[in-house]
């Protein structure tokens, strides 16, 4: 069995990222999204399905991660 590694495209820096820390970028993959650390792109990325990404964004919008 061969696992196809898709290269994410269309990377965008999060509007919530800062200049000093907490910098992330989101890219597109088929059926979902990829996320990587802006300051350490060589470390790779992780992916989420469309459903996972929608649930995550919804949780952010509803303040679930607010300190």
Protein backbone atom coordinates (compact mmCIF):
# COMPACT_ATOMS: atom_id res chain seq x y z
CA UNK A 1 0.00 0.00 0.00
CA UNK A 2 1.32 3.43 -0.93
CA UNK A 3 0.38 6.48 1.14
CA UNK A 4 0.24 9.63 -0.93
CA UNK A 5 1.74 12.68 0.73
CA UNK A 6 -0.02 15.77 -0.53
CA UNK A 7 1.93 19.01 -0.51
CA UNK A 8 -0.23 21.73 1.03
CA UNK A 9 -0.69 24.92 -0.96
CA UNK A 10 -1.97 28.44 -0.45
CA UNK A 11 -0.33 28.94 2.95
CA UNK A 12 -1.74 31.93 4.88
CA UNK A 13 -0.50 33.36 8.17
CA UNK A 14 -3.13 33.41 10.89
CA UNK A 15 -4.59 36.84 11.62
CA UNK A 16 -4.08 36.04 15.32
CA UNK A 17 -0.34 35.45 14.91
CA UNK A 18 2.08 37.87 16.52
CA UNK A 19 5.52 39.02 15.43
CA UNK A 20 7.30 37.46 18.42
CA UNK A 21 5.53 34.17 19.10
CA UNK A 22 2.37 32.12 18.46
CA UNK A 23 2.79 32.23 14.70
CA UNK A 24 0.93 29.65 12.64
CA UNK A 25 0.09 29.25 8.98
CA UNK A 26 -2.81 27.36 7.43
CA UNK A 27 -2.59 25.70 4.03
CA UNK A 28 -5.04 23.83 1.81
CA UNK A 29 -5.07 20.08 1.24
CA UNK A 30 -7.73 18.00 -0.46
CA UNK A 31 -10.57 17.55 1.99
CA UNK A 32 -9.11 19.64 4.80
CA UNK A 33 -6.39 21.95 6.07
CA UNK A 34 -2.71 21.81 7.02
CA UNK A 35 -1.14 23.77 9.89
CA UNK A 36 2.51 24.64 10.49
CA UNK A 37 4.65 26.85 12.71
CA UNK A 38 5.59 30.00 10.79
CA UNK A 39 8.94 30.28 12.56
CA UNK A 40 9.88 26.60 12.11
CA UNK A 41 8.50 25.55 8.74
CA UNK A 42 11.14 22.83 8.40
CA UNK A 43 9.49 20.89 11.24
CA UNK A 44 6.63 19.98 8.96
CA UNK A 45 2.89 20.31 9.36
CA UNK A 46 -0.16 18.41 10.54
CA UNK A 47 -3.41 17.98 8.66
CA UNK A 48 -7.05 17.96 9.67
CA UNK A 49 -10.12 16.85 7.73
CA UNK A 50 -12.71 19.46 6.75
CA UNK A 51 -14.96 18.30 9.61
CA UNK A 52 -12.13 18.51 12.15
CA UNK A 53 -11.08 21.95 10.92
CA UNK A 54 -14.68 23.26 11.01
CA UNK A 55 -15.13 21.99 14.57
CA UNK A 56 -11.85 23.64 15.62
CA UNK A 57 -12.72 26.99 14.03
CA UNK A 58 -16.21 26.82 15.57
CA UNK A 59 -14.72 26.23 19.01
CA UNK A 60 -12.46 29.26 18.57
CA UNK A 61 -15.41 31.43 17.51
CA UNK A 62 -17.37 30.34 20.58
CA UNK A 63 -14.50 31.21 22.94
CA UNK A 64 -13.72 27.65 23.98
CA UNK A 65 -9.97 28.37 24.15
CA UNK A 66 -10.15 31.83 25.73
CA UNK A 67 -8.01 32.21 28.81
